[in-house]
Amino acid sequence: MRKVILALVILAIPASTMAALTWYTSKPAWDAARAAGGWTTLYGSENYEECTLGPGAVIAVNDPLTFGVPNVNFPLGLTGLNNLSVQSNTLAGNPAQPSPRGLNTFVDSIDHIFAKPTVNALGFYTTSFLGGNSVDVRAYDAAQVLLGQTARPADPTGANFLGVISDTPIGRLNVFDTGNGAEGIDNIDVYVPEPATLAMLSLALLALRRR
């Protein structure tokens, strides 16, 4: 499987929480939790395999890398998640700040920004190249309010899973390389509620509105 640095990837140890958000370092535990919560429909996956570079290659791309828009070695842009935009965050060392636009020049911080549909259940694998070995991952809502953060090992193999489930929709996921490497996440899966759950939620909201 190719690993490209756009830098893009986490097993469950005791989960850390902030507000109503939980991290999972075990994919089976994350799968069980999201299923129990009704997040059972796979909205889409992004594995970055559309990149034309060979395995293990590392490149810089122009910000942002988005769905369907050609970008350097991504002739079709992203093809797996139509609500995902990836760009560098040039405020290296300060991942709590909103992301500026600019050329991706292997800075220590990269953002994954999610548009609609709402993203509450997200799973991926941490990666790091050029000598990095760990990443700090932070989740923000659409208003850039920090929902939770955690740290995970990361390497070029992308062997470390990280899943997150949040009651508040996640608008941005920041990945900061604490070892000054080239950070990222890979094999991103986004789940949404099953249709029956959505229908029940809609009916409940309608009932509340009528009251």
N, C-alpha and C. Protein backbone atom coordinates (compact mmCIF):
# COMPACT_ATOMS: atom_id res chain seq x y z
N MET A 1 0.84 -1.18 0.00
CA MET A 1 0.00 0.00 0.00
C MET A 1 0.88 1.24 0.00
N ARG A 2 0.54 2.21 -0.85
CA ARG A 2 1.36 3.41 -0.93
C ARG A 2 1.23 4.26 0.32
N LYS A 3 2.30 4.90 0.68
CA LYS A 3 2.25 5.90 1.73
C LYS A 3 2.76 7.19 1.12
N VAL A 4 1.95 8.20 1.05
CA VAL A 4 2.39 9.44 0.47
C VAL A 4 2.33 10.51 1.54
N ILE A 5 3.18 11.40 1.53
CA ILE A 5 3.18 12.39 2.58
C ILE A 5 2.30 13.53 2.39
N LEU A 6 1.59 13.64 2.12
CA LEU A 6 0.64 14.63 2.35
C LEU A 6 0.45 14.50 3.78
N ALA A 7 1.10 13.77 4.10
CA ALA A 7 1.15 13.30 5.39
C ALA A 7 -0.22 12.93 5.78
N LEU A 8 -0.33 11.56 5.89
CA LEU A 8 -1.66 11.26 6.33
C LEU A 8 -1.67 10.17 7.36
N VAL A 9 -3.00 8.99 9.52
CA VAL A 9 -3.23 7.75 10.22
C VAL A 9 -3.33 7.54 11.67
N ILE A 10 -4.80 5.37 13.93
CA ILE A 10 -4.27 5.28 15.32
C ILE A 10 -4.68 3.98 16.04
N LEU A 11 -4.97 1.76 18.26
CA LEU A 11 -5.32 0.62 18.99
C LEU A 11 -6.12 0.92 20.22
N ALA A 12 -7.44 -0.10 21.54
CA ALA A 12 -7.81 0.93 22.50
C ALA A 12 -7.07 0.71 23.79
N ILE A 13 -6.29 1.73 24.12
CA ILE A 13 -5.78 1.84 25.48
C ILE A 13 -6.87 2.60 26.20
N PRO A 14 -6.76 2.82 27.49
CA PRO A 14 -7.83 3.59 28.12
C PRO A 14 -8.06 4.86 27.33
N ALA A 15 -9.26 5.06 26.88
CA ALA A 15 -9.56 6.20 26.03
C ALA A 15 -9.49 7.50 26.80
N SER A 16 -8.97 8.55 26.14
CA SER A 16 -8.95 9.86 26.76
C SER A 16 -10.16 10.63 26.26
N THR A 17 -10.74 11.45 27.10
CA THR A 17 -11.94 12.16 26.71
C THR A 17 -11.87 13.63 27.07
N MET A 18 -12.51 14.45 26.26
CA MET A 18 -12.74 15.85 26.56
C MET A 18 -14.14 16.13 26.05
N ALA A 19 -14.96 16.71 26.88
CA ALA A 19 -16.35 16.91 26.51
C ALA A 19 -16.94 15.54 26.19
N ALA A 20 -17.77 15.45 25.16
CA ALA A 20 -18.39 14.16 24.83
C ALA A 20 -17.68 13.55 23.64
N LEU A 21 -16.40 13.33 23.78
CA LEU A 21 -15.59 12.75 22.71
C LEU A 21 -14.70 11.66 23.30
N THR A 22 -14.59 10.52 22.58
CA THR A 22 -13.78 9.40 23.05
C THR A 22 -12.87 8.91 21.94
N TRP A 23 -11.61 8.68 22.29
CA TRP A 23 -10.62 8.12 21.35
C TRP A 23 -10.52 6.61 21.58
N TYR A 24 -10.26 5.87 20.51
CA TYR A 24 -10.08 4.42 20.58
C TYR A 24 -8.82 4.03 19.84
N THR A 25 -7.95 3.26 20.50
CA THR A 25 -6.74 2.79 19.84
C THR A 25 -6.86 1.33 19.39
N SER A 26 -8.05 0.77 19.57
CA SER A 26 -8.35 -0.58 19.08
C SER A 26 -9.48 -0.47 18.07
N LYS A 27 -9.26 -0.94 16.86
CA LYS A 27 -10.31 -0.86 15.86
C LYS A 27 -11.54 -1.69 16.24
N PRO A 28 -11.38 -2.93 16.77
CA PRO A 28 -12.57 -3.67 17.20
C PRO A 28 -13.39 -2.92 18.25
N ALA A 29 -12.70 -2.25 19.19
CA ALA A 29 -13.42 -1.50 20.23
C ALA A 29 -14.15 -0.31 19.61
N TRP A 30 -13.51 0.36 18.67
CA TRP A 30 -14.15 1.49 17.99
C TRP A 30 -15.34 1.02 17.16
N ASP A 31 -15.16 -0.10 16.43
CA ASP A 31 -16.26 -0.65 15.64
C ASP A 31 -17.46 -0.97 16.52
N ALA A 32 -17.20 -1.58 17.69
CA ALA A 32 -18.29 -1.95 18.60
C ALA A 32 -18.99 -0.71 19.13
N ALA A 33 -18.21 0.31 19.49
CA ALA A 33 -18.78 1.53 20.07
C ALA A 33 -19.62 2.30 19.04
N ARG A 34 -19.11 2.43 17.83
CA ARG A 34 -19.87 3.17 16.83
C ARG A 34 -21.13 2.41 16.41
N ALA A 35 -21.04 1.06 16.38
CA ALA A 35 -22.23 0.27 16.06
C ALA A 35 -23.29 0.43 17.14
N ALA A 36 -22.84 0.43 18.40
CA ALA A 36 -23.77 0.61 19.52
C ALA A 36 -24.41 1.99 19.48
N GLY A 37 -23.69 2.96 18.95
CA GLY A 37 -24.22 4.32 18.88
C GLY A 37 -25.02 4.60 17.62
N GLY A 38 -25.12 3.61 16.73
CA GLY A 38 -25.90 3.80 15.52
C GLY A 38 -25.13 4.29 14.32
N TRP A 39 -23.80 4.41 14.45
CA TRP A 39 -22.97 4.88 13.33
C TRP A 39 -22.54 3.67 12.51
N THR A 40 -23.43 3.17 11.70
CA THR A 40 -23.20 1.88 11.03
C THR A 40 -23.07 1.96 9.51
N THR A 41 -23.36 3.10 8.93
CA THR A 41 -23.30 3.24 7.48
C THR A 41 -22.01 3.93 7.06
N LEU A 42 -21.20 3.24 6.26
CA LEU A 42 -19.94 3.82 5.78
C LEU A 42 -20.24 4.88 4.73
N TYR A 43 -19.97 6.14 5.07
CA TYR A 43 -20.19 7.22 4.12
C TYR A 43 -19.13 7.21 3.03
N GLY A 44 -17.88 6.95 3.41
CA GLY A 44 -16.80 6.93 2.44
C GLY A 44 -15.46 6.65 3.09
N SER A 45 -14.46 6.33 2.26
CA SER A 45 -13.11 6.05 2.73
C SER A 45 -12.11 6.77 1.83
N GLU A 46 -11.02 7.22 2.43
CA GLU A 46 -9.94 7.85 1.65
C GLU A 46 -8.63 7.15 1.99
N ASN A 47 -8.01 6.51 0.97
CA ASN A 47 -6.74 5.83 1.19
C ASN A 47 -5.60 6.44 0.39
N TYR A 48 -5.88 7.51 -0.34
CA TYR A 48 -4.86 8.24 -1.09
C TYR A 48 -4.18 7.40 -2.17
N GLU A 49 -4.78 6.28 -2.54
CA GLU A 49 -4.21 5.43 -3.58
C GLU A 49 -4.30 6.06 -4.96
N GLU A 50 -5.04 7.15 -5.09
CA GLU A 50 -5.12 7.82 -6.38
C GLU A 50 -3.83 8.55 -6.74
N CYS A 51 -2.91 8.67 -5.77
CA CYS A 51 -1.62 9.31 -6.03
C CYS A 51 -0.82 8.47 -7.03
N THR A 52 -0.14 9.14 -7.96
CA THR A 52 0.61 8.42 -9.00
C THR A 52 2.02 8.06 -8.57
N LEU A 53 2.45 8.46 -7.39
CA LEU A 53 3.79 8.11 -6.92
C LEU A 53 3.84 6.66 -6.47
N GLY A 54 5.05 6.11 -6.40
CA GLY A 54 5.23 4.74 -5.96
C GLY A 54 5.17 4.62 -4.45
N PRO A 55 5.21 3.39 -3.93
CA PRO A 55 5.16 3.15 -2.48
C PRO A 55 6.29 3.86 -1.74
N GLY A 56 5.95 4.44 -0.60
CA GLY A 56 6.95 5.09 0.25
C GLY A 56 7.39 6.45 -0.21
N ALA A 57 6.82 6.96 -1.30
CA ALA A 57 7.24 8.27 -1.81
C ALA A 57 6.69 9.39 -0.95
N VAL A 58 7.42 10.48 -0.89
CA VAL A 58 7.03 11.64 -0.10
C VAL A 58 7.03 12.87 -1.00
N ILE A 59 5.93 13.60 -1.01
CA ILE A 59 5.81 14.77 -1.88
C ILE A 59 5.17 15.93 -1.13
N ALA A 60 5.28 17.11 -1.72
CA ALA A 60 4.50 18.26 -1.25
C ALA A 60 3.42 18.52 -2.28
N VAL A 61 2.26 18.95 -1.83
CA VAL A 61 1.17 19.28 -2.74
C VAL A 61 0.74 20.72 -2.49
N ASN A 62 -0.01 21.26 -3.41
CA ASN A 62 -0.55 22.60 -3.23
C ASN A 62 -1.77 22.55 -2.33
N ASP A 63 -1.90 23.49 -1.43
CA ASP A 63 -3.06 23.56 -0.55
C ASP A 63 -4.24 24.21 -1.28
N PRO A 64 -5.44 23.69 -1.06
CA PRO A 64 -5.74 22.45 -0.37
C PRO A 64 -5.85 21.29 -1.37
N LEU A 65 -5.79 20.07 -0.88
CA LEU A 65 -6.04 18.88 -1.68
C LEU A 65 -7.50 18.50 -1.43
N THR A 66 -8.32 18.53 -2.48
CA THR A 66 -9.75 18.33 -2.31
C THR A 66 -10.30 17.29 -3.29
N PHE A 67 -11.55 16.96 -3.09
CA PHE A 67 -12.22 15.96 -3.90
C PHE A 67 -12.42 16.45 -5.33
N GLY A 68 -11.94 15.66 -6.29
CA GLY A 68 -12.21 15.94 -7.70
C GLY A 68 -11.40 17.05 -8.33
N VAL A 69 -10.45 17.64 -7.59
CA VAL A 69 -9.65 18.74 -8.14
C VAL A 69 -8.21 18.28 -8.31
N PRO A 70 -7.68 18.21 -9.54
CA PRO A 70 -6.30 17.75 -9.77
C PRO A 70 -5.30 18.55 -8.95
N ASN A 71 -4.28 17.85 -8.43
CA ASN A 71 -3.29 18.51 -7.58
C ASN A 71 -1.99 17.71 -7.64
N VAL A 72 -0.96 18.26 -8.27
CA VAL A 72 0.35 17.64 -8.38
C VAL A 72 0.20 16.17 -8.79
N ASN A 73 0.58 15.22 -7.92
CA ASN A 73 0.52 13.80 -8.28
C ASN A 73 -0.84 13.17 -7.99
N PHE A 74 -1.86 13.97 -7.83
CA PHE A 74 -3.23 13.49 -7.68
C PHE A 74 -4.02 14.00 -8.89
N PRO A 75 -3.94 13.30 -10.02
CA PRO A 75 -4.58 13.79 -11.25
C PRO A 75 -6.08 13.96 -11.16
N LEU A 76 -6.72 13.26 -10.24
CA LEU A 76 -8.16 13.37 -10.07
C LEU A 76 -8.52 14.03 -8.74
N GLY A 77 -7.51 14.50 -8.02
CA GLY A 77 -7.76 15.00 -6.68
C GLY A 77 -8.09 13.84 -5.76
N LEU A 78 -8.74 14.10 -4.65
CA LEU A 78 -9.21 13.02 -3.79
C LEU A 78 -10.41 12.35 -4.46
N THR A 79 -10.55 11.07 -4.24
CA THR A 79 -11.65 10.34 -4.89
C THR A 79 -12.51 9.56 -3.91
N GLY A 80 -12.10 9.46 -2.63
CA GLY A 80 -12.83 8.62 -1.69
C GLY A 80 -13.84 9.33 -0.82
N LEU A 81 -13.51 10.56 -0.39
CA LEU A 81 -14.40 11.31 0.50
C LEU A 81 -14.68 12.68 -0.11
N ASN A 82 -15.93 12.90 -0.49
CA ASN A 82 -16.23 14.18 -1.14
C ASN A 82 -16.44 15.32 -0.16
N ASN A 83 -16.32 15.03 1.16
CA ASN A 83 -16.48 16.10 2.15
C ASN A 83 -15.15 16.42 2.85
N LEU A 84 -14.03 15.92 2.28
CA LEU A 84 -12.73 16.09 2.91
C LEU A 84 -11.85 17.06 2.14
N SER A 85 -11.16 17.93 2.87
CA SER A 85 -10.15 18.82 2.31
C SER A 85 -8.92 18.74 3.20
N VAL A 86 -7.74 18.56 2.58
CA VAL A 86 -6.50 18.41 3.34
C VAL A 86 -5.57 19.57 3.01
N GLN A 87 -5.00 20.18 4.05
CA GLN A 87 -4.07 21.28 3.81
C GLN A 87 -3.11 21.42 4.98
N SER A 88 -1.98 22.05 4.70
CA SER A 88 -0.99 22.26 5.75
C SER A 88 -1.46 23.36 6.69
N ASN A 89 -0.97 23.29 7.92
CA ASN A 89 -1.21 24.33 8.92
C ASN A 89 0.16 24.90 9.24
N THR A 90 0.45 26.07 8.74
CA THR A 90 1.80 26.62 8.87
C THR A 90 2.12 27.13 10.26
N LEU A 91 1.15 27.06 11.17
CA LEU A 91 1.42 27.44 12.55
C LEU A 91 1.97 26.22 13.29
N ALA A 92 3.13 25.76 12.86
CA ALA A 92 3.75 24.56 13.43
C ALA A 92 3.95 24.74 14.93
N GLY A 93 3.63 23.71 15.68
CA GLY A 93 3.79 23.77 17.12
C GLY A 93 2.61 24.39 17.83
N ASN A 94 1.63 24.88 17.06
CA ASN A 94 0.47 25.52 17.66
C ASN A 94 -0.79 25.01 16.97
N PRO A 95 -1.08 23.71 17.07
CA PRO A 95 -2.19 23.13 16.31
C PRO A 95 -3.57 23.56 16.79
N ALA A 96 -3.62 24.36 17.85
CA ALA A 96 -4.93 24.82 18.32
C ALA A 96 -5.47 25.97 17.48
N GLN A 97 -4.68 26.51 16.59
CA GLN A 97 -5.10 27.65 15.79
C GLN A 97 -5.80 27.21 14.51
N PRO A 98 -6.73 28.02 14.01
CA PRO A 98 -7.34 27.73 12.72
C PRO A 98 -6.29 27.69 11.62
N SER A 99 -6.58 26.97 10.56
CA SER A 99 -5.60 26.74 9.51
C SER A 99 -5.53 27.88 8.49
N PRO A 100 -4.35 28.39 8.25
CA PRO A 100 -4.18 29.34 7.15
C PRO A 100 -3.97 28.55 5.86
N ARG A 101 -4.14 29.19 4.74
CA ARG A 101 -3.83 28.55 3.47
C ARG A 101 -2.37 28.82 3.12
N GLY A 102 -1.80 27.97 2.29
CA GLY A 102 -0.42 28.18 1.88
C GLY A 102 0.14 26.92 1.29
N LEU A 103 1.32 26.99 0.75
CA LEU A 103 1.94 25.83 0.14
C LEU A 103 2.33 24.81 1.20
N ASN A 104 2.06 23.55 0.94
CA ASN A 104 2.44 22.49 1.87
C ASN A 104 3.94 22.26 1.75
N THR A 105 4.69 22.74 2.71
CA THR A 105 6.15 22.63 2.66
C THR A 105 6.67 21.79 3.82
N PHE A 106 6.00 20.68 4.06
CA PHE A 106 6.41 19.75 5.10
C PHE A 106 6.49 20.43 6.47
N VAL A 107 5.48 21.21 6.76
CA VAL A 107 5.40 21.80 8.09
C VAL A 107 5.00 20.71 9.08
N ASP A 108 5.05 21.05 10.36
CA ASP A 108 4.81 20.05 11.39
C ASP A 108 3.34 19.87 11.74
N SER A 109 2.45 20.41 10.94
CA SER A 109 1.05 20.36 11.28
C SER A 109 0.22 20.30 10.01
N ILE A 110 -0.76 19.37 9.98
CA ILE A 110 -1.60 19.24 8.79
C ILE A 110 -3.05 19.09 9.24
N ASP A 111 -3.96 19.71 8.48
CA ASP A 111 -5.38 19.70 8.81
C ASP A 111 -6.18 18.85 7.84
N HIS A 112 -7.18 18.18 8.40
CA HIS A 112 -8.17 17.44 7.62
C HIS A 112 -9.51 18.08 7.96
N ILE A 113 -10.08 18.77 7.01
CA ILE A 113 -11.28 19.58 7.24
C ILE A 113 -12.47 18.87 6.61
N PHE A 114 -13.53 18.70 7.41
CA PHE A 114 -14.71 17.96 6.96
C PHE A 114 -15.90 18.89 6.80
N ALA A 115 -16.49 18.83 5.61
CA ALA A 115 -17.73 19.55 5.37
C ALA A 115 -18.89 18.59 5.64
N LYS A 116 -20.11 18.95 5.26
CA LYS A 116 -21.24 18.06 5.45
C LYS A 116 -21.08 16.83 4.56
N PRO A 117 -21.58 15.64 4.97
CA PRO A 117 -22.41 15.45 6.15
C PRO A 117 -21.60 15.50 7.44
N THR A 118 -22.35 15.60 8.53
CA THR A 118 -21.68 15.69 9.82
C THR A 118 -20.80 14.48 10.07
N VAL A 119 -19.62 14.73 10.62
CA VAL A 119 -18.67 13.65 10.90
C VAL A 119 -18.57 13.48 12.41
N ASN A 120 -19.15 12.40 12.92
CA ASN A 120 -19.09 12.10 14.35
C ASN A 120 -18.31 10.83 14.65
N ALA A 121 -18.20 9.93 13.69
CA ALA A 121 -17.47 8.66 13.86
C ALA A 121 -16.43 8.55 12.76
N LEU A 122 -15.16 8.58 13.17
CA LEU A 122 -14.05 8.68 12.24
C LEU A 122 -12.94 7.73 12.67
N GLY A 123 -12.43 6.93 11.74
CA GLY A 123 -11.34 6.01 12.04
C GLY A 123 -10.24 6.15 11.01
N PHE A 124 -8.98 5.99 11.43
CA PHE A 124 -7.85 6.16 10.51
C PHE A 124 -6.59 5.55 11.13
N TYR A 125 -5.47 5.67 10.41
CA TYR A 125 -4.18 5.17 10.90
C TYR A 125 -3.15 6.29 10.84
N THR A 126 -2.35 6.42 11.89
CA THR A 126 -1.36 7.50 11.93
C THR A 126 -0.11 7.11 11.13
N THR A 127 0.46 8.10 10.47
CA THR A 127 1.70 7.89 9.72
C THR A 127 2.68 9.01 10.05
N SER A 128 3.95 8.72 9.90
CA SER A 128 4.98 9.74 10.04
C SER A 128 6.19 9.32 9.22
N PHE A 129 6.75 10.26 8.50
CA PHE A 129 7.91 10.00 7.66
C PHE A 129 9.05 10.95 8.05
N LEU A 130 10.20 10.73 7.46
CA LEU A 130 11.35 11.62 7.65
C LEU A 130 11.78 11.72 9.11
N GLY A 131 11.66 10.61 9.84
CA GLY A 131 12.20 10.57 11.20
C GLY A 131 11.22 10.78 12.32
N GLY A 132 9.99 11.12 12.02
CA GLY A 132 9.02 11.31 13.10
C GLY A 132 8.57 9.98 13.67
N ASN A 133 8.12 9.97 14.93
CA ASN A 133 7.67 8.71 15.53
C ASN A 133 6.43 8.85 16.39
N SER A 134 5.85 10.04 16.47
CA SER A 134 4.63 10.22 17.24
C SER A 134 3.90 11.46 16.74
N VAL A 135 2.57 11.45 16.94
CA VAL A 135 1.77 12.59 16.53
C VAL A 135 0.79 12.99 17.63
N ASP A 136 0.46 14.26 17.66
CA ASP A 136 -0.57 14.80 18.51
C ASP A 136 -1.78 15.04 17.61
N VAL A 137 -2.93 14.48 17.99
CA VAL A 137 -4.14 14.61 17.16
C VAL A 137 -5.18 15.39 17.95
N ARG A 138 -5.74 16.41 17.32
CA ARG A 138 -6.75 17.25 17.97
C ARG A 138 -7.99 17.37 17.09
N ALA A 139 -9.14 17.26 17.71
CA ALA A 139 -10.41 17.37 17.00
C ALA A 139 -11.09 18.68 17.39
N TYR A 140 -11.61 19.40 16.39
CA TYR A 140 -12.29 20.67 16.60
C TYR A 140 -13.68 20.61 15.98
N ASP A 141 -14.59 21.42 16.49
CA ASP A 141 -15.88 21.51 15.84
C ASP A 141 -15.80 22.54 14.71
N ALA A 142 -16.92 22.81 14.06
CA ALA A 142 -16.92 23.72 12.92
C ALA A 142 -16.57 25.15 13.30
N ALA A 143 -16.73 25.49 14.58
CA ALA A 143 -16.40 26.84 15.07
C ALA A 143 -14.98 26.91 15.62
N GLN A 144 -14.17 25.86 15.38
CA GLN A 144 -12.78 25.78 15.82
C GLN A 144 -12.64 25.69 17.34
N VAL A 145 -13.64 25.14 18.01
CA VAL A 145 -13.56 24.87 19.44
C VAL A 145 -12.98 23.47 19.63
N LEU A 146 -11.95 23.36 20.47
CA LEU A 146 -11.30 22.08 20.71
C LEU A 146 -12.25 21.11 21.40
N LEU A 147 -12.44 19.94 20.80
CA LEU A 147 -13.32 18.91 21.37
C LEU A 147 -12.53 17.88 22.16
N GLY A 148 -11.30 17.59 21.76
CA GLY A 148 -10.48 16.60 22.44
C GLY A 148 -9.17 16.40 21.73
N GLN A 149 -8.20 15.83 22.44
CA GLN A 149 -6.89 15.58 21.84
C GLN A 149 -6.28 14.33 22.44
N THR A 150 -5.34 13.74 21.71
CA THR A 150 -4.64 12.55 22.17
C THR A 150 -3.32 12.46 21.43
N ALA A 151 -2.41 11.60 21.90
CA ALA A 151 -1.12 11.39 21.25
C ALA A 151 -0.97 9.91 20.91
N ARG A 152 -0.37 9.61 19.76
CA ARG A 152 -0.20 8.23 19.33
C ARG A 152 1.13 8.06 18.62
N PRO A 153 1.73 6.85 18.72
CA PRO A 153 2.92 6.56 17.91
C PRO A 153 2.55 6.61 16.43
N ALA A 154 3.53 6.91 15.59
CA ALA A 154 3.29 6.97 14.15
C ALA A 154 4.58 6.63 13.43
N ASP A 155 4.47 5.90 12.33
CA ASP A 155 5.64 5.53 11.54
C ASP A 155 5.23 5.34 10.08
N PRO A 156 6.20 5.09 9.18
CA PRO A 156 5.85 4.97 7.77
C PRO A 156 4.95 3.80 7.43
N THR A 157 4.85 2.80 8.30
CA THR A 157 4.02 1.63 7.99
C THR A 157 2.54 1.88 8.21
N GLY A 158 2.20 2.89 8.97
CA GLY A 158 0.79 3.17 9.25
C GLY A 158 0.12 2.06 10.02
N ALA A 159 0.79 1.55 11.05
CA ALA A 159 0.28 0.38 11.78
C ALA A 159 -0.60 0.75 12.96
N ASN A 160 -0.64 2.01 13.35
CA ASN A 160 -1.36 2.41 14.57
C ASN A 160 -2.72 3.00 14.24
N PHE A 161 -3.76 2.30 14.71
CA PHE A 161 -5.13 2.76 14.47
C PHE A 161 -5.55 3.81 15.50
N LEU A 162 -6.37 4.74 15.06
CA LEU A 162 -7.01 5.68 15.98
C LEU A 162 -8.43 5.93 15.49
N GLY A 163 -9.37 5.74 16.38
CA GLY A 163 -10.75 6.05 16.07
C GLY A 163 -11.29 7.06 17.04
N VAL A 164 -12.29 7.81 16.63
CA VAL A 164 -12.88 8.82 17.51
C VAL A 164 -14.39 8.84 17.29
N ILE A 165 -15.11 9.01 18.38
CA ILE A 165 -16.55 9.19 18.32
C ILE A 165 -16.89 10.42 19.16
N SER A 166 -17.61 11.34 18.56
CA SER A 166 -17.90 12.61 19.22
C SER A 166 -19.37 12.94 19.11
N ASP A 167 -19.98 13.35 20.23
CA ASP A 167 -21.37 13.80 20.18
C ASP A 167 -21.51 15.07 19.35
N THR A 168 -20.49 15.92 19.42
CA THR A 168 -20.46 17.14 18.62
C THR A 168 -19.76 16.86 17.30
N PRO A 169 -20.32 17.24 16.18
CA PRO A 169 -19.69 16.99 14.89
C PRO A 169 -18.27 17.56 14.81
N ILE A 170 -17.39 16.80 14.19
CA ILE A 170 -16.00 17.21 14.02
C ILE A 170 -15.86 17.97 12.70
N GLY A 171 -15.38 19.21 12.79
CA GLY A 171 -15.18 20.01 11.59
C GLY A 171 -13.76 19.97 11.09
N ARG A 172 -12.81 19.77 12.01
CA ARG A 172 -11.39 19.76 11.61
C ARG A 172 -10.61 18.81 12.50
N LEU A 173 -9.73 18.04 11.89
CA LEU A 173 -8.83 17.15 12.61
C LEU A 173 -7.40 17.60 12.31
N ASN A 174 -6.70 18.04 13.35
CA ASN A 174 -5.32 18.48 13.17
C ASN A 174 -4.36 17.38 13.61
N VAL A 175 -3.32 17.14 12.80
CA VAL A 175 -2.29 16.15 13.12
C VAL A 175 -0.96 16.88 13.17
N PHE A 176 -0.34 16.86 14.34
CA PHE A 176 0.91 17.58 14.59
C PHE A 176 2.01 16.59 14.93
N ASP A 177 3.12 16.63 14.20
CA ASP A 177 4.21 15.69 14.44
C ASP A 177 5.11 16.19 15.56
N THR A 178 5.08 15.48 16.70
CA THR A 178 5.86 15.90 17.86
C THR A 178 7.34 15.57 17.72
N GLY A 179 7.70 14.81 16.68
CA GLY A 179 9.10 14.45 16.48
C GLY A 179 9.73 15.13 15.29
N ASN A 180 9.09 16.21 14.79
CA ASN A 180 9.60 16.97 13.66
C ASN A 180 9.74 16.15 12.39
N GLY A 181 8.89 15.16 12.22
CA GLY A 181 8.87 14.39 10.99
C GLY A 181 7.81 14.93 10.05
N ALA A 182 7.36 14.09 9.13
CA ALA A 182 6.31 14.45 8.19
C ALA A 182 5.07 13.65 8.56
N GLU A 183 4.14 14.30 9.20
CA GLU A 183 3.00 13.66 9.83
C GLU A 183 1.85 13.42 8.86
N GLY A 184 0.94 12.53 9.26
CA GLY A 184 -0.25 12.34 8.45
C GLY A 184 -1.15 11.24 8.98
N ILE A 185 -2.26 11.03 8.29
CA ILE A 185 -3.14 9.90 8.58
C ILE A 185 -3.51 9.24 7.26
N ASP A 186 -3.86 7.96 7.32
CA ASP A 186 -4.15 7.20 6.11
C ASP A 186 -5.36 6.30 6.36
N ASN A 187 -5.93 5.79 5.26
CA ASN A 187 -7.07 4.87 5.34
C ASN A 187 -8.17 5.41 6.25
N ILE A 188 -8.69 6.57 5.89
CA ILE A 188 -9.70 7.25 6.68
C ILE A 188 -11.09 6.68 6.36
N ASP A 189 -11.82 6.29 7.39
CA ASP A 189 -13.21 5.82 7.24
C ASP A 189 -14.14 6.75 7.98
N VAL A 190 -15.19 7.19 7.31
CA VAL A 190 -16.20 8.05 7.92
C VAL A 190 -17.53 7.32 7.93
N TYR A 191 -18.14 7.21 9.12
CA TYR A 191 -19.43 6.53 9.27
C TYR A 191 -20.52 7.53 9.64
N VAL A 192 -21.71 7.27 9.14
CA VAL A 192 -22.88 8.09 9.45
C VAL A 192 -23.97 7.17 10.01
N PRO A 193 -25.02 7.74 10.63
CA PRO A 193 -26.08 6.88 11.18
C PRO A 193 -26.79 6.09 10.10
N GLU A 194 -27.27 4.93 10.46
CA GLU A 194 -28.07 4.13 9.53
C GLU A 194 -29.35 4.89 9.21
N PRO A 195 -29.96 4.66 8.04
CA PRO A 195 -31.17 5.39 7.65
C PRO A 195 -32.28 5.35 8.68
N ALA A 196 -32.47 4.21 9.34
CA ALA A 196 -33.54 4.11 10.33
C ALA A 196 -33.30 5.05 11.51
N THR A 197 -32.02 5.16 11.91
CA THR A 197 -31.68 6.07 13.01
C THR A 197 -31.93 7.52 12.62
N LEU A 198 -31.56 7.86 11.39
CA LEU A 198 -31.78 9.22 10.91
C LEU A 198 -33.28 9.55 10.87
N ALA A 199 -34.06 8.59 10.44
CA ALA A 199 -35.51 8.81 10.38
C ALA A 199 -36.08 9.05 11.77
N MET A 200 -35.61 8.27 12.76
CA MET A 200 -36.10 8.44 14.13
C MET A 200 -35.70 9.79 14.69
N LEU A 201 -34.47 10.21 14.38
CA LEU A 201 -34.01 11.52 14.85
C LEU A 201 -34.84 12.64 14.23
N SER A 202 -35.14 12.50 12.94
CA SER A 202 -35.95 13.51 12.27
C SER A 202 -37.33 13.61 12.88
N LEU A 203 -37.94 12.47 13.18
CA LEU A 203 -39.27 12.47 13.79
C LEU A 203 -39.24 13.09 15.19
N ALA A 204 -38.16 12.80 15.93
CA ALA A 204 -38.04 13.37 17.28
C ALA A 204 -37.92 14.88 17.22
N LEU A 205 -37.12 15.38 16.26
CA LEU A 205 -36.95 16.83 16.11
C LEU A 205 -38.26 17.48 15.68
N LEU A 206 -39.00 16.78 14.80
CA LEU A 206 -40.27 17.32 14.36
C LEU A 206 -41.26 17.43 15.53
N ALA A 207 -41.25 16.40 16.38
CA ALA A 207 -42.15 16.41 17.54
C ALA A 207 -41.79 17.55 18.49
N LEU A 208 -40.50 17.77 18.69
CA LEU A 208 -40.08 18.86 19.57
C LEU A 208 -40.47 20.21 18.99
N ARG A 209 -40.34 20.33 17.66
CA ARG A 209 -40.67 21.60 17.03
C ARG A 209 -42.16 21.91 17.16
N ARG A 210 -42.98 20.87 17.02
CA ARG A 210 -44.41 21.07 17.14
C ARG A 210 -44.81 21.51 18.54
N ARG A 211 -44.07 20.99 19.55
CA ARG A 211 -44.36 21.41 20.91
C ARG A 211 -44.03 22.88 21.11
